[in-house]
Protein backbone atom coordinates (compact mmCIF):
# COMPACT_ATOMS: atom_id res chain seq x y z
CA MET A 1 25.37 163.33 95.12
CA GLY A 2 23.42 160.28 93.95
CA ARG A 3 25.88 157.80 95.43
CA GLN A 4 25.97 159.57 98.76
CA GLN A 5 22.16 159.61 98.93
CA THR A 6 22.04 155.87 98.10
CA LYS A 7 24.57 155.12 100.84
CA GLN A 8 22.58 157.09 103.40
CA GLU A 9 19.37 155.27 102.40
CA PHE A 10 21.15 151.91 102.78
CA LEU A 11 22.41 152.85 106.27
CA LEU A 12 18.89 153.96 107.30
CA CYS A 13 17.51 150.64 106.08
CA MET A 14 20.19 148.63 107.92
CA ARG A 15 19.30 150.38 111.18
CA LYS A 16 15.82 148.92 110.85
CA VAL A 17 17.16 145.31 110.22
CA PRO A 18 17.66 143.11 113.34
CA LEU A 19 21.29 142.13 114.09
CA GLY A 20 20.43 138.41 114.34
CA TRP A 21 19.20 138.40 110.75
CA VAL A 22 22.52 139.91 109.58
CA ASP A 23 24.60 137.32 111.52
CA ARG A 24 22.60 134.46 110.09
CA HIS A 25 23.06 135.70 106.52
CA LEU A 26 26.78 136.35 107.02
CA GLN A 27 27.20 132.75 108.24
CA LYS A 28 25.42 131.49 105.13
CA ILE A 29 27.64 133.62 102.91
CA ASN A 30 30.77 132.25 104.66
CA ALA A 31 29.49 128.69 104.29
CA VAL A 32 28.90 129.23 100.57
CA CYS A 33 32.42 130.61 100.20
CA MET A 34 33.96 127.64 102.06
CA GLU A 35 31.95 125.22 99.95
CA GLY A 36 33.20 126.97 96.85
CA LYS A 37 36.82 126.69 98.01
CA ARG A 38 36.34 122.99 98.89
CA ARG A 39 34.84 122.26 95.49
CA SER A 40 37.58 124.17 93.81
CA ALA A 41 40.23 122.15 95.70
CA HIS A 42 38.39 118.94 94.87
CA LEU A 43 38.24 119.83 91.19
CA SER A 44 41.93 120.71 91.26
CA MET A 45 42.76 117.37 92.86
CA MET A 46 40.61 115.49 90.34
CA TRP A 47 42.33 117.29 87.52
CA GLU A 48 45.77 116.40 88.92
CA LEU A 49 44.67 112.77 89.36
CA GLY A 50 43.36 112.69 85.83
CA ALA A 51 46.60 114.15 84.56
CA TYR A 52 48.52 111.49 86.54
CA LYS A 53 46.37 108.76 85.10
CA HIS A 54 46.99 110.06 81.62
CA TRP A 55 50.72 110.18 82.34
CA GLN A 56 50.66 106.64 83.73
CA PHE A 57 48.79 105.43 80.66
CA ASP A 58 51.30 107.17 78.40
CA GLU A 59 54.21 105.53 80.26
CA THR A 60 52.54 102.11 80.00
CA MET A 61 52.04 102.59 76.27
CA LYS A 62 55.65 103.71 75.85
CA SER A 63 56.88 100.66 77.82
CA TRP A 64 54.69 98.37 75.71
CA ALA A 65 56.00 100.01 72.55
CA ARG A 66 59.59 99.50 73.71
CA VAL A 67 58.86 95.80 74.33
CA VAL A 68 57.28 95.45 70.90
CA LEU A 69 60.19 97.18 69.18
CA ASP A 70 62.88 95.29 71.18
CA GLU A 71 63.02 91.71 69.89
CA LYS A 72 64.63 90.28 73.04
CA LYS A 73 62.13 91.94 75.40
CA ARG A 74 59.30 90.88 73.13
CA ALA A 75 60.49 87.28 73.33
CA LEU A 76 60.61 87.44 77.16
CA HIS A 77 57.15 88.99 77.25
CA GLU A 78 55.78 86.25 75.04
CA LEU A 79 57.52 83.59 77.17
CA GLY A 80 55.94 84.99 80.34
CA TRP A 81 52.53 84.98 78.70
CA LYS A 82 53.04 81.41 77.48
CA ASN A 83 54.05 80.31 81.00
CA ARG A 84 50.91 81.89 82.45
CA GLN A 85 48.80 80.13 79.83
CA LYS A 86 50.58 76.86 80.64
CA ASN A 87 49.91 77.26 84.37
CA ILE A 88 46.23 77.96 83.73
CA SER A 89 46.04 74.92 81.46
CA ARG A 90 47.70 72.71 84.11
CA THR A 91 45.28 73.93 86.75
CA ILE A 92 42.26 73.16 84.56
CA GLN A 93 43.60 69.71 83.66
CA PHE A 94 44.38 68.89 87.29
CA TRP A 95 40.92 69.76 88.57
CA THR A 96 39.10 68.14 85.65
CA ARG A 97 40.93 64.83 85.99
CA THR A 98 41.15 64.74 89.79
CA VAL A 99 37.47 65.49 90.34
CA GLN A 100 36.58 62.79 87.80
CA ILE A 101 38.63 60.17 89.66
CA TYR A 102 37.41 61.27 93.09
CA ALA A 103 33.75 61.35 92.02
CA SER A 104 34.02 57.86 90.50
CA TYR A 105 35.22 56.42 93.82
CA LYS A 106 32.49 58.15 95.83
CA THR A 107 29.89 56.89 93.36
CA LEU A 108 31.18 53.34 93.63
CA GLN A 109 31.03 53.52 97.42
CA LEU A 110 27.27 54.03 97.07
CA ARG A 111 26.84 51.39 94.34
CA VAL A 112 28.51 48.54 96.22
CA LYS A 113 26.05 48.95 99.09
CA PHE A 114 23.34 47.55 96.82
CA VAL A 115 25.44 44.49 95.83
CA LYS A 116 25.08 41.48 98.13
CA HIS A 117 27.85 39.17 96.94
CA GLU A 118 31.34 39.98 98.19
CA ALA A 119 32.96 38.50 95.09
CA GLU A 120 31.02 40.92 92.89
CA GLN A 121 31.98 43.82 95.17
CA GLU A 122 35.66 42.86 94.90
CA ARG A 123 35.39 42.71 91.11
CA MET A 124 33.78 46.16 91.01
CA TRP A 125 36.54 47.64 93.18
CA GLU A 126 39.27 45.96 91.12
CA ASP A 127 37.82 47.38 87.90
CA GLN A 128 37.62 50.83 89.53
CA HIS A 129 41.25 50.67 90.69
CA GLU A 130 42.43 49.66 87.20
CA TRP A 131 40.46 52.50 85.60
CA ALA A 132 41.73 55.06 88.13
CA ALA A 133 45.33 53.81 87.84
CA ASP A 134 45.33 54.46 84.09
CA ARG A 135 44.07 57.99 84.59
CA LEU A 136 46.49 58.73 87.42
CA TYR A 137 49.37 57.47 85.30
CA SER A 138 48.29 59.70 82.40
CA LEU A 139 47.95 62.69 84.74
CA CYS A 140 51.44 62.22 86.21
CA THR A 141 53.24 61.48 82.94
CA GLU A 142 51.58 64.20 80.86
CA LEU A 143 51.85 66.98 83.44
CA GLY A 144 55.06 65.91 85.21
CA GLY A 145 56.29 68.36 87.86
CA PHE A 146 55.08 67.75 91.40
CA PHE A 147 52.70 65.03 90.20
CA LEU A 148 55.74 62.78 89.78
CA LYS A 149 56.53 63.23 93.48
CA SER A 150 52.91 62.47 94.29
CA ALA A 151 53.27 59.27 92.26
CA GLN A 152 56.28 58.31 94.39
CA LEU A 153 54.18 58.78 97.54
CA LEU A 154 51.26 56.74 96.19
CA ALA A 155 53.31 53.90 94.63
CA LYS A 156 53.48 51.91 97.88
CA PRO A 157 51.80 48.51 98.26
CA ASP A 158 50.99 49.17 101.92
CA LEU A 159 49.15 52.41 101.08
CA SER A 160 47.54 52.15 97.64
CA PRO A 161 45.65 49.48 95.65
CA MET A 162 47.95 47.17 93.68
CA PRO A 163 46.79 48.46 90.26
CA TRP A 164 47.94 51.93 91.35
CA VAL A 165 51.29 50.56 92.55
CA ARG A 166 51.96 48.64 89.32
CA LYS A 167 51.26 51.72 87.22
CA LEU A 168 52.93 54.41 89.30
CA VAL A 169 56.04 52.63 90.58
CA VAL A 170 57.74 53.00 87.17
CA LEU A 171 57.64 56.77 87.61
CA CYS A 172 60.11 56.67 90.52
CA ASP A 173 62.98 57.11 88.08
CA GLY A 174 61.25 57.14 84.70
CA ALA A 175 60.06 60.73 84.45
CA PRO A 176 60.07 62.57 81.08
CA GLU A 177 63.60 63.45 79.95
CA THR A 178 65.05 66.84 79.00
CA PRO A 179 66.59 66.79 75.49
CA TYR A 180 70.38 66.51 75.35
CA LYS A 181 70.87 69.88 73.63
CA MET A 182 69.04 71.62 76.47
CA VAL A 183 71.12 69.69 79.03
CA GLN A 184 74.29 70.86 77.27
CA LYS A 185 73.05 74.45 77.30
CA VAL A 186 72.34 74.35 81.07
CA ILE A 187 75.80 72.92 81.84
CA GLU A 188 77.62 75.49 79.70
CA GLN A 189 75.63 78.36 81.19
CA GLU A 190 76.32 77.19 84.75
CA PHE A 191 80.07 76.65 84.31
CA GLY A 192 80.66 79.40 81.74
CA LYS A 193 82.70 77.20 79.42
CA PRO A 194 82.14 74.60 76.67
CA MET A 195 81.10 71.20 77.92
CA ASP A 196 83.93 69.52 75.99
CA SER A 197 86.45 71.41 78.10
CA ILE A 198 84.99 69.87 81.28
CA PHE A 199 84.14 66.30 80.27
CA GLU A 200 86.06 64.03 77.98
CA ARG A 201 83.02 61.78 77.73
CA PHE A 202 79.35 62.47 78.41
CA ASP A 203 76.52 59.98 77.81
CA CYS A 204 73.62 61.60 75.95
CA LYS A 205 71.12 59.10 77.35
CA PRO A 206 70.37 59.82 81.03
CA LEU A 207 70.64 57.05 83.61
CA GLY A 208 67.38 58.21 85.14
CA SER A 209 65.04 61.16 85.21
CA ALA A 210 62.98 62.44 88.14
CA SER A 211 60.73 65.41 88.79
CA VAL A 212 63.52 67.94 89.46
CA ALA A 213 66.51 66.68 87.45
CA GLN A 214 68.03 63.89 85.42
CA VAL A 215 71.39 62.14 85.83
CA HIS A 216 73.99 61.38 83.14
CA ARG A 217 77.14 59.28 83.31
CA ALA A 218 80.33 61.10 82.30
CA ARG A 219 84.08 61.36 82.89
CA VAL A 220 85.88 64.56 83.87
CA ARG A 221 88.97 65.42 81.81
CA GLY A 222 92.09 64.01 83.42
CA ALA A 223 90.15 61.70 85.78
CA THR A 224 90.30 57.90 85.91
CA LYS A 225 86.82 57.22 87.28
CA ASP A 226 83.36 58.02 85.96
CA VAL A 227 81.11 60.58 87.61
CA ALA A 228 77.36 61.17 87.78
CA VAL A 229 76.16 64.55 86.51
CA LYS A 230 72.83 65.76 87.86
CA VAL A 231 71.23 68.47 85.69
CA GLN A 232 68.13 70.43 86.66
CA HIS A 233 65.12 70.41 84.31
CA PRO A 234 64.60 73.95 82.91
CA GLY A 235 61.33 75.53 84.08
CA ALA A 236 60.59 72.74 86.58
CA HIS A 237 60.45 75.05 89.62
CA GLU A 238 57.52 77.20 88.47
CA LEU A 239 55.53 74.16 87.34
CA MET A 240 56.01 72.42 90.69
CA MET A 241 54.90 75.48 92.64
CA THR A 242 51.71 75.65 90.55
CA ASP A 243 51.09 71.94 91.14
CA ILE A 244 51.59 72.28 94.90
CA ARG A 245 49.08 75.14 95.11
CA ASN A 246 46.49 73.06 93.26
CA GLN A 247 47.10 70.00 95.41
CA LYS A 248 46.87 72.08 98.59
CA MET A 249 43.41 73.27 97.54
CA PHE A 250 42.33 69.68 96.88
CA ALA A 251 43.86 68.57 100.19
CA ALA A 252 41.86 71.25 102.02
CA PHE A 253 38.69 69.83 100.45
CA LEU A 254 39.59 66.25 101.44
CA GLN A 255 40.53 67.31 104.97
CA ARG A 256 37.22 69.10 105.36
CA PHE A 257 34.89 66.43 104.02
CA ASP A 258 36.62 63.05 103.74
CA VAL A 259 39.97 62.34 105.47
CA GLN A 260 40.37 62.84 109.21
CA PHE A 261 44.01 63.85 108.98
CA ASP A 262 45.94 67.12 108.86
CA ILE A 263 47.04 66.89 105.20
CA LEU A 264 47.67 70.62 104.76
CA SER A 265 50.57 70.64 107.24
CA ILE A 266 52.20 67.87 105.23
CA LEU A 267 51.90 69.81 101.97
CA ASP A 268 53.23 72.96 103.65
CA GLU A 269 56.37 71.07 104.65
CA LEU A 270 56.67 69.55 101.18
CA GLU A 271 56.39 72.99 99.62
CA HIS A 272 59.22 74.27 101.81
CA GLN A 273 61.44 71.28 101.04
CA VAL A 274 60.79 71.46 97.29
CA GLU A 275 62.13 75.02 97.30
CA LEU A 276 65.37 73.72 98.84
CA GLU A 277 65.54 70.84 96.37
CA PHE A 278 66.33 73.24 93.51
CA ASP A 279 69.62 74.34 95.11
CA PHE A 280 72.27 71.74 94.23
CA VAL A 281 74.94 73.55 96.24
CA LYS A 282 73.00 72.84 99.44
CA GLU A 283 72.40 69.28 98.26
CA ALA A 284 76.14 68.72 97.82
CA VAL A 285 76.85 70.02 101.34
CA SER A 286 74.14 67.78 102.84
CA MET A 287 75.33 64.72 100.92
CA ASP A 288 78.96 65.17 101.99
CA GLN A 289 77.90 65.81 105.58
CA ILE A 290 75.83 62.61 105.82
CA SER A 291 78.56 60.55 104.14
CA LYS A 292 81.18 61.80 106.59
CA SER A 293 78.88 61.28 109.59
CA LEU A 294 78.07 57.65 108.74
CA GLN A 295 81.72 56.83 108.04
CA SER A 296 82.89 58.43 111.29
CA ALA A 297 80.24 56.79 113.48
CA ASN A 298 80.89 53.29 112.06
CA GLN A 299 84.72 53.32 112.10
CA GLY A 300 84.88 53.81 108.34
CA LYS A 301 82.38 51.02 107.59
CA SER A 302 79.14 52.83 106.82
CA PRO A 303 76.11 50.52 106.50
CA ILE A 304 75.29 52.20 103.17
CA ALA A 305 77.26 53.84 100.35
CA VAL A 306 76.79 57.59 99.92
CA PRO A 307 78.31 59.47 96.94
CA ARG A 308 80.54 62.52 97.46
CA SER A 309 80.48 65.71 95.40
CA ILE A 310 83.39 66.63 93.11
CA PRO A 311 85.01 69.88 94.34
CA GLY A 312 84.74 72.76 91.89
CA LEU A 313 82.00 71.11 89.82
CA VAL A 314 78.91 72.09 91.79
CA THR A 315 76.51 74.93 90.94
CA LYS A 316 72.92 75.67 91.77
CA LYS A 317 71.65 73.73 88.74
CA VAL A 318 74.42 71.18 88.08
CA LEU A 319 75.90 68.67 90.55
CA VAL A 320 78.83 66.41 89.66
CA MET A 321 79.41 63.54 92.12
CA ASP A 322 80.85 60.05 92.47
CA PHE A 323 79.33 57.48 90.16
CA ILE A 324 78.06 54.46 92.09
CA GLU A 325 77.34 51.47 89.90
CA GLY A 326 74.43 49.31 90.94
CA ILE A 327 70.96 48.14 90.06
CA PRO A 328 67.74 49.80 91.29
CA ILE A 329 66.12 47.87 94.09
CA LEU A 330 62.99 47.46 91.95
CA LYS A 331 65.01 45.31 89.52
CA LEU A 332 66.55 43.14 92.23
CA GLY A 333 64.27 40.19 91.50
CA ASP A 334 65.09 40.24 87.78
CA GLU A 335 68.83 40.39 88.55
CA MET A 336 68.53 37.42 90.90
CA ALA A 337 66.69 35.44 88.22
CA LYS A 338 69.46 36.22 85.70
CA ARG A 339 72.02 34.78 88.13
CA GLY A 340 69.97 31.63 88.63
CA ILE A 341 68.70 32.57 92.09
CA ASP A 342 65.04 32.03 92.91
CA PRO A 343 63.69 35.51 93.88
CA ASN A 344 61.33 33.83 96.35
CA GLY A 345 63.83 31.30 97.70
CA ALA A 346 65.60 31.15 101.05
CA MET A 347 68.84 32.68 99.74
CA ALA A 348 66.95 35.61 98.23
CA LYS A 349 65.09 36.13 101.51
CA ILE A 350 68.36 36.39 103.43
CA ALA A 351 69.76 38.88 100.91
CA LYS A 352 66.61 41.03 101.08
CA ARG A 353 66.65 41.02 104.89
CA ASN A 354 70.28 42.15 104.89
CA ILE A 355 69.47 44.97 102.47
CA LEU A 356 66.59 46.20 104.63
CA ARG A 357 68.66 45.80 107.81
CA ASP A 358 71.50 47.97 106.48
CA LEU A 359 69.22 50.62 105.03
CA SER A 360 67.09 50.81 108.17
CA SER A 361 70.18 50.86 110.40
CA ALA A 362 71.55 53.85 108.49
CA TYR A 363 68.25 55.68 108.88
CA GLY A 364 68.13 54.92 112.59
CA GLN A 365 71.55 56.53 112.99
CA MET A 366 70.71 59.52 110.80
CA ILE A 367 67.38 60.26 112.52
CA LEU A 368 68.02 59.34 116.15
CA ARG A 369 71.74 60.07 116.57
CA ASP A 370 72.41 62.90 114.11
CA GLY A 371 68.95 64.40 113.65
CA PHE A 372 69.90 65.00 110.00
CA PHE A 373 68.76 62.54 107.33
CA GLN A 374 67.99 61.95 103.67
CA ALA A 375 64.21 62.19 103.52
CA ASP A 376 63.43 60.58 100.16
CA PRO A 377 64.33 56.85 100.14
CA HIS A 378 61.87 55.90 97.39
CA PRO A 379 62.83 52.83 95.28
CA GLY A 380 64.43 54.93 92.54
CA ASN A 381 66.99 56.25 95.05
CA VAL A 382 67.97 52.86 96.50
CA HIS A 383 70.50 50.85 94.46
CA ILE A 384 72.21 47.54 95.17
CA MET A 385 75.93 47.42 94.35
CA LYS A 386 77.82 44.40 92.97
CA ASP A 387 79.20 43.51 96.41
CA GLY A 388 75.67 43.52 97.90
CA ARG A 389 75.98 46.87 99.66
CA VAL A 390 73.13 49.38 99.59
CA ALA A 391 73.70 52.75 97.93
CA LEU A 392 71.42 55.66 98.85
CA LEU A 393 71.24 58.41 96.22
CA ASP A 394 69.65 61.87 95.81
CA TYR A 395 70.06 64.25 98.77
CA GLY A 396 67.86 67.05 97.47
CA GLN A 397 65.37 66.43 100.27
CA VAL A 398 67.04 66.35 103.68
CA LYS A 399 65.60 67.19 107.06
CA GLU A 400 67.29 68.49 110.19
CA LEU A 401 65.49 67.87 113.49
CA SER A 402 65.61 70.07 116.54
CA GLU A 403 67.09 68.53 119.69
CA ASP A 404 63.66 68.33 121.36
CA LEU A 405 62.11 66.66 118.33
CA ARG A 406 64.98 64.16 118.01
CA LEU A 407 64.75 63.13 121.67
CA GLY A 408 60.93 63.14 121.58
CA PHE A 409 60.94 60.75 118.65
CA ALA A 410 63.49 58.53 120.42
CA ARG A 411 61.02 58.27 123.34
CA LEU A 412 58.25 57.34 120.90
CA VAL A 413 60.41 54.58 119.35
CA VAL A 414 61.00 53.02 122.76
CA ALA A 415 57.30 53.29 123.65
CA LEU A 416 56.24 51.63 120.36
CA ALA A 417 58.76 48.80 120.74
CA SER A 418 57.64 48.28 124.37
CA ASN A 419 53.93 48.38 123.46
CA ASN A 420 53.38 51.03 126.16
CA VAL A 421 50.16 52.80 125.16
CA SER A 422 50.18 55.38 127.95
CA GLU A 423 53.76 56.37 127.03
CA ILE A 424 52.75 56.57 123.35
CA VAL A 425 49.93 58.97 124.29
CA SER A 426 52.39 61.09 126.28
CA CYS A 427 54.86 61.11 123.38
CA PHE A 428 52.15 62.23 120.96
CA GLU A 429 51.27 65.13 123.25
CA ASN A 430 54.91 66.18 123.68
CA LEU A 431 55.52 66.01 119.92
CA GLY A 432 52.46 68.18 119.26
CA ILE A 433 50.31 65.53 117.53
CA GLU A 434 46.70 66.38 118.37
CA THR A 435 44.26 63.47 118.14
CA VAL A 436 40.53 63.16 118.78
CA GLN A 437 38.80 59.90 119.78
CA MET A 438 35.81 59.48 117.48
CA GLY A 439 34.35 56.35 119.09
CA GLY A 440 35.14 56.56 122.80
CA ASN A 441 38.41 56.02 124.64
CA ASP A 442 39.84 52.99 122.81
CA SER A 443 43.50 52.31 123.58
CA ASP A 444 43.75 49.60 120.91
CA SER A 445 42.70 52.06 118.20
CA PHE A 446 45.25 54.60 119.42
CA ARG A 447 48.06 52.05 119.38
CA THR A 448 47.01 50.93 115.90
CA LEU A 449 47.17 54.55 114.74
CA ALA A 450 50.63 55.09 116.28
CA VAL A 451 52.06 51.88 114.81
CA THR A 452 50.53 52.60 111.41
CA MET A 453 52.11 56.05 111.40
CA PHE A 454 55.54 55.44 112.94
CA ASP A 455 56.51 51.79 112.50
CA THR A 456 57.41 49.82 109.39
CA LYS A 457 55.49 46.77 110.61
CA LEU A 458 51.74 47.11 110.27
CA PRO A 459 49.53 46.21 113.25
CA PRO A 460 47.99 42.70 113.37
CA GLY A 461 45.06 42.37 111.00
CA VAL A 462 46.01 45.42 108.93
CA ALA A 463 47.23 44.66 105.41
CA VAL A 464 47.00 48.11 103.80
CA ALA A 465 47.31 51.47 105.60
CA ASN A 466 44.76 53.16 103.34
CA PRO A 467 43.54 56.45 104.89
CA PHE A 468 40.63 56.55 102.40
CA GLY A 469 39.24 53.10 103.20
CA GLU A 470 36.00 52.59 105.08
CA ASP A 471 37.78 50.53 107.78
CA THR A 472 40.64 52.99 108.32
CA VAL A 473 41.70 53.62 111.90
CA LEU A 474 41.20 57.36 111.24
CA ASN A 475 37.47 56.71 111.61
CA ASP A 476 38.16 55.85 115.27
CA VAL A 477 40.99 58.30 116.04
CA SER A 478 41.33 61.39 113.88
CA VAL A 479 44.50 63.50 113.64
CA LYS A 480 43.46 67.14 113.89
CA ASN A 481 46.95 68.64 114.04
CA PHE A 482 50.15 67.08 112.74
CA PRO A 483 53.45 69.01 113.19
CA LYS A 484 54.97 69.58 109.78
CA ASP A 485 58.50 68.93 111.13
CA LEU A 486 57.48 65.30 111.69
CA PHE A 487 56.28 64.72 108.14
CA PHE A 488 59.58 63.54 106.68
CA ILE A 489 60.05 61.05 109.53
CA LEU A 490 56.56 59.76 108.78
CA ARG A 491 57.28 59.65 105.05
CA THR A 492 60.63 57.88 105.49
CA ILE A 493 59.09 55.18 107.69
CA HIS A 494 56.25 54.66 105.23
CA ILE A 495 58.66 54.34 102.29
CA LEU A 496 60.77 51.82 104.24
CA ARG A 497 57.57 49.91 105.00
CA GLY A 498 56.65 49.96 101.31
CA LEU A 499 60.05 48.47 100.48
CA SER A 500 59.62 45.73 103.10
CA VAL A 501 56.12 44.86 101.86
CA GLY A 502 57.28 44.85 98.24
CA MET A 503 60.21 42.55 99.13
CA ASP A 504 57.97 40.39 101.35
CA CYS A 505 60.29 40.93 104.33
CA PRO A 506 58.24 42.55 107.11
CA TYR A 507 60.22 43.99 110.01
CA SER A 508 59.71 46.52 112.81
CA SER A 509 61.84 49.67 112.67
CA SER A 510 60.93 50.55 116.25
CA GLU A 511 62.25 47.19 117.50
CA GLN A 512 65.44 47.57 115.46
CA TRP A 513 66.00 51.16 116.61
CA LYS A 514 65.04 50.59 120.27
CA PRO A 515 68.60 49.92 121.62
CA LEU A 516 69.96 53.01 119.87
CA ALA A 517 67.05 55.15 121.09
CA GLN A 518 67.55 53.94 124.68
CA ALA A 519 71.27 54.73 124.54
CA ILE A 520 70.56 58.23 123.22
CA LEU A 521 67.97 58.90 125.93
CA ALA A 522 70.31 57.58 128.63
CA GLU A 523 73.09 59.83 127.34
CA ASP A 524 70.77 62.82 127.43
CA ARG A 525 69.62 62.01 130.99
CA ASN A 526 73.22 61.71 132.19
CA LEU A 527 74.16 65.03 130.63
CA THR A 528 71.03 66.73 131.99
CA LEU A 529 70.93 65.31 135.51
CA ASN A 530 74.69 65.15 136.18
CA PRO A 531 76.45 68.37 135.21
CA ILE A 532 80.22 68.04 135.15
CA PRO A 533 81.09 70.46 138.05
CA ASP A 534 78.83 68.64 140.56
CA ILE A 535 79.90 65.00 140.19
CA PRO A 536 82.86 62.86 141.37
CA VAL A 537 86.04 62.63 139.34
CA LYS A 538 85.57 58.99 138.24
CA VAL A 539 82.12 59.64 136.81
CA GLU A 540 83.26 62.96 135.41
CA ALA A 541 85.56 61.21 132.96
CA LYS A 542 82.62 59.27 131.54
CA VAL A 543 80.45 62.38 131.27
CA LYS A 544 83.23 64.26 129.55
CA GLU A 545 83.36 61.43 127.06
CA LEU A 546 79.63 61.76 126.49
CA VAL A 547 79.99 65.51 126.02
CA TRP A 548 82.72 64.83 123.48
CA GLU A 549 80.43 62.34 121.73
CA ARG A 550 77.71 64.98 121.55
CA ARG A 551 80.21 67.52 120.23
CA GLN A 552 81.32 64.99 117.65
CA ARG A 553 77.71 64.58 116.50
CA ARG A 554 77.21 68.35 116.35
CA ARG A 555 80.48 68.70 114.43
CA ARG A 556 79.30 66.13 111.89
CA ARG A 557 76.15 68.20 111.43
CA GLY A 558 78.28 71.29 110.80
CA HIS A 559 77.32 73.14 114.01
CA LEU A 560 80.85 73.24 115.45
CA PRO A 561 84.23 74.05 113.88
CA PRO A 562 86.58 71.05 113.36
CA ASN A 563 88.94 71.93 116.25
CA SER A 564 86.30 72.73 118.90
């Protein structure tokens, strides 16, 4: 009775309440319920996330415990941590030493402005170069890695101060050596057998050591001739990648505030090529390909000697090849003196010119005709054999040019040799080299820039092509964009120029290569403008011959099968 009365009283009360008030309160109640469900779902999700985090933490702890308990995994973990510490240490040392050297030069630039006498200015600069050369040498020898390649780039008398050249040139083939026991371990791991079963004799002392590998003299069992064994330095790859990243950051700073040249594109190309340099199988293929091409194009009389790989004895980290006996070109003067020849006499001059002629001729053929060339002719890779022939070693860095780039560079060679400034400008545009005139439209400055970049003979009045000097041509014409595919052509020409300056035998590569470049361009025009189906029979025979010549070049580069 009581419940029924209460219900009736509630209904009477509800009749007096407006419907709008009820709707509003029902909406609030629904909203509160939805909020409660949302919070409940959120709390559930947070709980699941927390549980996942706890699970992830537990798995991490279990993995860490397994590493600690497993001796081998613990050793790998410690090695990885040591490598990270080593990379951090290298980065700190690089920036500390490099900034010190850079700041000292910028400070001296300000100091010499307050010195009136030129002789005193020269003395101050000479002292600065000697001081910086010592520190650069210490940086390259103590850190090794990519800094050794940087030393090879800087050790050129036409680019760097002479104190730098004297200090750094010894690093072309005098890098720190890997101990013999470690060399033996790498060889046995690569071939999967004891070293004694492969070689009957193996010299413990390397013939030379560079940034990536070192070379030993040996003899394969059952063979009658010695071979050269190139063995990769363990751990060199990771160190070089760290060094490149640091140098790219420094290059970005220089490009932004000091040097009017696209340095970053150059380092990007170097980074790509360094990756390829650690694959000795590719190096063997490139070396054999270049050797075969030069022999075929010169009727078996190649202008230079190129070693060949030994079949079955090539892996990614070990390369066994022909041993070529000779003396490094840097020791040519000493060898002449031992034989009673005056290194500065007329006979020595003739010998040096012949060496440069043969080496430059080979590069003209590789770059302009084949579009495939060895891109690292630094002095440590150039040897002189007993019969006076030039031997070119180390094919870790090779560059293949596209057809457009090869023909575009051939045009530039002809334009440089002909002193045609308007054609040089057109060639720069077609090759993708973007320049900006800083001091008006000066054709002489542009020609000076082009010759400095792409010819072995420096322009008149220029003794050193120093991009950091106050009188550099880059102050008049800056290079805002430089195609990275052109870098190794630029580098090769600059190294050849460094050799010619060091041997006191200046010559012009563009003048030497001009006839070959003209023949290549004429061949391309004939093939382009005179297709075989549309020309008379007599001329057709010649064009077919040219097509065959092009096929022969493509076959030498490995683009066509032997019977095509």
